[in-house]
Amino acid sequence: MSDLQGKLSRLLEIVERCGSAAVAFSGGVDSTLLLSVASEVLEGRVLAVTVAAPFMPRHELHAAAEAAALIGARHITVDVDLDDIERFCANPVDRCYFCKRHLFSKILEIARREGLSCVMEASNADDSGDYRPGMRAVRELGILSPLLDAGLVKEEIRELLRGRGVPGWDRPSTACLASRVPYGEPITIEKLLRIDRAEDLLRSLGFAQCRVRHHGGLARIEVEPDMVARTLEPEMRETILKRLEGLGFAYVAVDLRGFRTGSLNEGISRSEA
């Protein structure tokens, strides 16, 4: 048995032991594999739960609905108000802890109401290498992380999803829009909407994997390293500059290191989690 098949077997065993589950479902690659496996193993005893909040990219909400329908899973969307999440708008370094605790508490309530025995989320083994205070909330609330526990990394998850014939296995990774705002800078709905529109613009221009970090009046653009030069082509540069200034940014800069997950976490000690 190959290493990947061994991990898949562990994943199936972990999910099967649950009996029934609510799956925190963003529609991304990781949660799509988890929902696909859970729907197959647990049959009709699965509910996909998607959070609808200003920090979720709009295109992700559409993708989640489409993916759940394709898999054939029952799917609901839960609206969340930023003001209901303790300390979220103040944006401390452990913001993600308070956010995850609030969101998963809501999903736990739904699971209990539906008579489901557990709640699953889709962190993977690659996530353990980044600063993720939200995992503390996952552990405190007893949320299961089957992909992580099976030892699956992102590329293996993509391979398994492709093998199951589920579209979207090659989708770029995404993250909460609040992760674009440096810690300590207040988070507002206006900032999140500006970021979402700016990233929609970049995707429409062909930059599939991108981030727009919101540094006050400055937009710091991250695209794949081999796409950085394209942002600096005269016509493209003028298009990006004009459109982002139209969204309210006073300055626009391109990060020459390119896209990398969690760039605003650089320099943060894990002891701060």
Protein backbone atom coordinates (compact mmCIF):
# COMPACT_ATOMS: atom_id res chain seq x y z
CA MET A 1 0.00 0.00 0.00
CA SER A 2 1.36 3.41 -0.96
CA ASP A 3 1.79 6.14 1.65
CA LEU A 4 -1.09 8.11 0.14
CA GLN A 5 -3.39 5.11 0.16
CA GLY A 6 -2.45 4.50 3.78
CA LYS A 7 -3.40 8.07 4.66
CA LEU A 8 -6.67 7.71 2.77
CA SER A 9 -7.46 4.55 4.73
CA ARG A 10 -6.82 6.40 7.99
CA LEU A 11 -9.05 9.23 6.83
CA LEU A 12 -11.88 6.82 6.03
CA GLU A 13 -11.53 5.16 9.44
CA ILE A 14 -11.55 8.50 11.30
CA VAL A 15 -14.67 9.67 9.48
CA GLU A 16 -16.48 6.36 9.82
CA ARG A 17 -15.97 6.34 13.60
CA CYS A 18 -17.97 9.57 13.85
CA GLY A 19 -21.22 8.00 12.72
CA SER A 20 -22.66 11.36 11.70
CA ALA A 21 -21.22 14.83 11.31
CA ALA A 22 -21.58 18.51 10.56
CA VAL A 23 -18.74 19.61 8.26
CA ALA A 24 -17.48 23.19 8.40
CA PHE A 25 -17.55 23.80 4.67
CA SER A 26 -15.84 26.70 2.89
CA GLY A 27 -15.94 25.16 -0.57
CA GLY A 28 -12.14 25.14 -0.78
CA VAL A 29 -10.08 22.13 -1.82
CA ASP A 30 -9.59 20.78 1.71
CA SER A 31 -13.17 21.02 2.92
CA THR A 32 -14.45 19.70 -0.43
CA LEU A 33 -12.42 16.50 -0.03
CA LEU A 34 -13.58 16.16 3.57
CA LEU A 35 -17.23 16.64 2.63
CA SER A 36 -16.92 14.25 -0.32
CA VAL A 37 -15.44 11.52 1.89
CA ALA A 38 -17.89 12.12 4.73
CA SER A 39 -20.87 12.05 2.36
CA GLU A 40 -19.69 8.74 0.94
CA VAL A 41 -18.78 7.06 4.23
CA LEU A 42 -21.61 8.41 6.40
CA GLU A 43 -24.16 8.53 3.57
CA GLY A 44 -27.11 10.75 4.55
CA ARG A 45 -25.81 11.56 8.04
CA VAL A 46 -23.82 14.63 6.98
CA LEU A 47 -24.59 18.35 6.95
CA ALA A 48 -22.32 20.92 5.27
CA VAL A 49 -22.32 24.25 7.12
CA THR A 50 -20.95 27.38 5.44
CA VAL A 51 -20.40 30.64 7.29
CA ALA A 52 -21.56 33.77 5.47
CA ALA A 53 -19.75 36.80 6.88
CA PRO A 54 -18.05 39.95 5.53
CA PHE A 55 -14.66 38.26 5.94
CA MET A 56 -15.60 35.51 3.46
CA PRO A 57 -14.79 36.23 -0.22
CA ARG A 58 -18.05 36.45 -2.14
CA HIS A 59 -16.91 34.04 -4.85
CA GLU A 60 -16.19 31.43 -2.18
CA LEU A 61 -19.81 31.41 -1.00
CA HIS A 62 -20.96 30.64 -4.54
CA ALA A 63 -18.29 27.96 -4.91
CA ALA A 64 -19.36 26.30 -1.64
CA ALA A 65 -23.00 26.07 -2.75
CA GLU A 66 -22.01 24.61 -6.12
CA ALA A 67 -19.59 22.08 -4.62
CA ALA A 68 -22.07 20.86 -2.00
CA ALA A 69 -24.74 20.42 -4.67
CA LEU A 70 -22.33 18.49 -6.88
CA ILE A 71 -21.39 16.18 -4.02
CA GLY A 72 -25.06 15.78 -3.14
CA ALA A 73 -24.68 16.89 0.46
CA ARG A 74 -27.27 18.74 2.47
CA HIS A 75 -25.98 22.28 2.85
CA ILE A 76 -26.91 25.32 4.93
CA THR A 77 -25.45 28.80 5.27
CA VAL A 78 -25.14 30.58 8.61
CA ASP A 79 -24.97 34.39 8.74
CA VAL A 80 -22.43 35.88 11.15
CA ASP A 81 -22.14 39.50 12.32
CA LEU A 82 -18.64 40.81 13.00
CA ASP A 83 -19.81 42.59 16.15
CA ASP A 84 -20.85 39.25 17.65
CA ILE A 85 -17.27 37.92 17.58
CA GLU A 86 -15.29 38.89 20.66
CA ARG A 87 -12.32 41.18 19.86
CA PHE A 88 -12.54 40.48 16.13
CA CYS A 89 -12.67 44.07 14.94
CA ALA A 90 -9.82 45.08 17.27
CA ASN A 91 -7.68 42.56 15.33
CA PRO A 92 -5.28 41.25 18.01
CA VAL A 93 -2.68 38.64 17.03
CA ASP A 94 -4.98 35.91 18.39
CA ARG A 95 -8.02 37.21 16.47
CA CYS A 96 -8.41 33.85 14.75
CA TYR A 97 -8.86 32.12 18.12
CA PHE A 98 -11.87 34.25 19.04
CA CYS A 99 -13.31 33.95 15.55
CA LYS A 100 -12.96 30.16 15.33
CA ARG A 101 -14.36 29.72 18.83
CA HIS A 102 -17.44 31.74 17.90
CA LEU A 103 -17.97 30.04 14.54
CA PHE A 104 -17.45 26.50 15.74
CA SER A 105 -19.68 27.09 18.75
CA LYS A 106 -22.44 27.99 16.29
CA ILE A 107 -21.79 24.87 14.22
CA LEU A 108 -21.79 22.72 17.38
CA GLU A 109 -25.23 24.11 18.25
CA ILE A 110 -26.47 23.19 14.80
CA ALA A 111 -24.98 19.70 15.07
CA ARG A 112 -26.72 19.10 18.41
CA ARG A 113 -30.01 20.38 17.04
CA GLU A 114 -29.68 18.07 14.03
CA GLY A 115 -28.70 15.07 16.17
CA LEU A 116 -25.24 14.82 14.62
CA SER A 117 -22.52 13.31 16.76
CA CYS A 118 -19.52 15.47 15.81
CA VAL A 119 -18.23 18.52 13.97
CA MET A 120 -15.36 18.28 11.49
CA GLU A 121 -13.07 20.94 10.04
CA ALA A 122 -10.58 20.72 7.20
CA SER A 123 -7.14 21.76 8.46
CA ASN A 124 -4.37 19.69 6.89
CA ALA A 125 -0.84 18.68 7.87
CA ASP A 126 0.69 21.66 6.05
CA ASP A 127 -1.21 24.03 8.35
CA SER A 128 0.84 22.98 11.36
CA GLY A 129 3.78 24.91 9.93
CA ASP A 130 2.09 28.31 10.19
CA TYR A 131 0.91 30.53 13.05
CA ARG A 132 -2.71 29.41 13.56
CA PRO A 133 -4.20 30.42 16.93
CA GLY A 134 -7.58 29.21 15.70
CA MET A 135 -6.44 25.64 16.23
CA ARG A 136 -6.57 26.26 19.98
CA ALA A 137 -10.31 26.85 19.68
CA VAL A 138 -10.64 23.69 17.59
CA ARG A 139 -8.99 21.66 20.33
CA GLU A 140 -10.91 23.31 23.18
CA LEU A 141 -14.27 22.64 21.55
CA GLY A 142 -13.49 19.05 20.56
CA ILE A 143 -13.78 19.71 16.82
CA LEU A 144 -12.31 16.91 14.70
CA SER A 145 -9.63 17.54 12.05
CA PRO A 146 -9.62 14.30 10.01
CA LEU A 147 -7.31 15.49 7.21
CA LEU A 148 -4.74 16.67 9.73
CA ASP A 149 -5.03 13.51 11.82
CA ALA A 150 -4.58 11.38 8.70
CA GLY A 151 -1.37 13.30 7.91
CA LEU A 152 -2.58 14.60 4.54
CA VAL A 153 -0.84 17.62 3.00
CA LYS A 154 -2.32 19.98 0.39
CA GLU A 155 -0.88 18.32 -2.72
CA GLU A 156 -2.09 14.91 -1.57
CA ILE A 157 -5.53 16.36 -0.95
CA ARG A 158 -5.60 17.75 -4.48
CA GLU A 159 -4.55 14.37 -5.86
CA LEU A 160 -7.26 12.53 -3.93
CA LEU A 161 -9.93 15.02 -4.96
CA ARG A 162 -8.90 14.73 -8.61
CA GLY A 163 -9.05 10.93 -8.30
CA ARG A 164 -12.62 11.16 -7.02
CA GLY A 165 -13.62 13.11 -10.13
CA VAL A 166 -14.66 16.20 -8.16
CA PRO A 167 -14.07 19.48 -10.06
CA GLY A 168 -12.09 22.19 -8.33
CA TRP A 169 -9.13 20.05 -7.23
CA ASP A 170 -6.79 22.63 -8.81
CA ARG A 171 -8.44 25.74 -7.34
CA PRO A 172 -6.06 28.29 -5.77
CA SER A 173 -5.95 28.32 -1.98
CA THR A 174 -8.03 30.97 -0.23
CA ALA A 175 -8.23 32.47 3.24
CA CYS A 176 -10.35 34.75 5.39
CA LEU A 177 -10.20 38.35 4.13
CA ALA A 178 -9.30 39.54 7.63
CA SER A 179 -5.91 37.89 7.09
CA ARG A 180 -5.10 40.76 4.71
CA VAL A 181 -5.19 43.37 7.51
CA PRO A 182 -2.06 43.70 9.71
CA TYR A 183 -2.60 42.80 13.36
CA GLY A 184 -3.49 45.79 15.48
CA GLU A 185 -5.16 47.68 12.65
CA PRO A 186 -8.95 47.74 13.18
CA ILE A 187 -11.02 45.57 10.86
CA THR A 188 -14.08 47.15 9.27
CA ILE A 189 -16.64 45.93 6.78
CA GLU A 190 -15.47 48.68 4.42
CA LYS A 191 -11.89 47.37 4.46
CA LEU A 192 -13.01 43.79 3.88
CA LEU A 193 -15.22 44.83 0.97
CA ARG A 194 -12.37 46.86 -0.56
CA ILE A 195 -10.02 43.88 -0.31
CA ASP A 196 -12.59 41.52 -1.80
CA ARG A 197 -13.20 43.83 -4.77
CA ALA A 198 -9.47 44.37 -5.30
CA GLU A 199 -8.78 40.62 -5.39
CA ASP A 200 -11.75 40.07 -7.71
CA LEU A 201 -10.13 42.61 -10.03
CA LEU A 202 -6.77 40.82 -10.00
CA ARG A 203 -8.42 37.46 -10.68
CA SER A 204 -10.29 39.00 -13.62
CA LEU A 205 -6.92 40.13 -15.00
CA GLY A 206 -5.55 36.57 -14.88
CA PHE A 207 -3.87 36.48 -11.44
CA ALA A 208 -5.61 33.37 -10.10
CA GLN A 209 -3.54 33.15 -6.89
CA CYS A 210 -3.38 36.59 -5.31
CA ARG A 211 -3.69 38.58 -2.12
CA VAL A 212 -4.20 42.30 -1.52
CA ARG A 213 -2.79 43.18 1.90
CA HIS A 214 -4.43 46.31 3.33
CA HIS A 215 -1.81 48.56 4.97
CA GLY A 216 -3.82 51.69 5.72
CA GLY A 217 -3.97 53.57 2.43
CA LEU A 218 -1.50 51.18 0.79
CA ALA A 219 -2.47 48.03 -1.15
CA ARG A 220 0.38 45.48 -1.13
CA ILE A 221 -0.23 43.02 -3.94
CA GLU A 222 0.99 39.42 -3.78
CA VAL A 223 0.80 37.23 -6.89
CA GLU A 224 2.64 34.05 -7.84
CA PRO A 225 6.38 34.81 -8.16
CA ASP A 226 6.41 34.02 -11.87
CA MET A 227 3.55 36.52 -12.38
CA VAL A 228 5.17 39.47 -10.61
CA ALA A 229 6.78 40.76 -13.82
CA ARG A 230 3.38 40.79 -15.53
CA THR A 231 1.99 43.24 -12.94
CA LEU A 232 4.77 45.67 -13.94
CA GLU A 233 4.06 45.64 -17.66
CA PRO A 234 3.08 49.24 -18.52
CA GLU A 235 -0.52 48.61 -19.57
CA MET A 236 -1.20 46.13 -16.75
CA ARG A 237 0.45 48.40 -14.19
CA GLU A 238 -1.74 51.32 -15.21
CA THR A 239 -4.89 49.18 -15.16
CA ILE A 240 -4.18 47.85 -11.66
CA LEU A 241 -3.17 51.26 -10.34
CA LYS A 242 -6.23 53.04 -11.72
CA ARG A 243 -8.71 50.40 -10.56
CA LEU A 244 -7.28 50.05 -7.05
CA GLU A 245 -7.10 53.81 -6.62
CA GLY A 246 -10.76 53.81 -7.62
CA LEU A 247 -11.44 51.47 -4.70
CA GLY A 248 -9.93 53.96 -2.26
CA PHE A 249 -6.27 52.96 -2.03
CA ALA A 250 -3.88 55.94 -2.09
CA TYR A 251 -0.84 53.80 -2.94
CA VAL A 252 -0.35 50.48 -4.71
CA ALA A 253 2.77 48.30 -4.34
CA VAL A 254 3.75 44.85 -5.62
CA ASP A 255 5.51 42.51 -3.19
CA LEU A 256 8.56 41.26 -5.11
CA ARG A 257 8.66 38.06 -3.05
CA GLY A 258 5.28 37.12 -4.45
CA PHE A 259 2.39 35.22 -2.88
CA ARG A 260 2.98 33.23 0.28
CA THR A 261 0.49 31.95 2.80
CA GLY A 262 0.29 33.98 6.01
CA SER A 263 2.78 36.70 5.07
CA LEU A 264 1.36 38.92 7.83
CA ASN A 265 2.28 36.21 10.34
CA GLU A 266 5.98 36.57 9.59
CA GLY A 267 7.90 37.42 12.74
CA ILE A 268 5.11 36.40 15.14
CA SER A 269 6.15 34.04 17.91
CA ARG A 270 4.04 30.94 18.42
CA SER A 271 4.01 31.83 22.11
CA GLU A 272 1.60 34.60 21.17
CA ALA A 273 -1.02 32.05 20.06
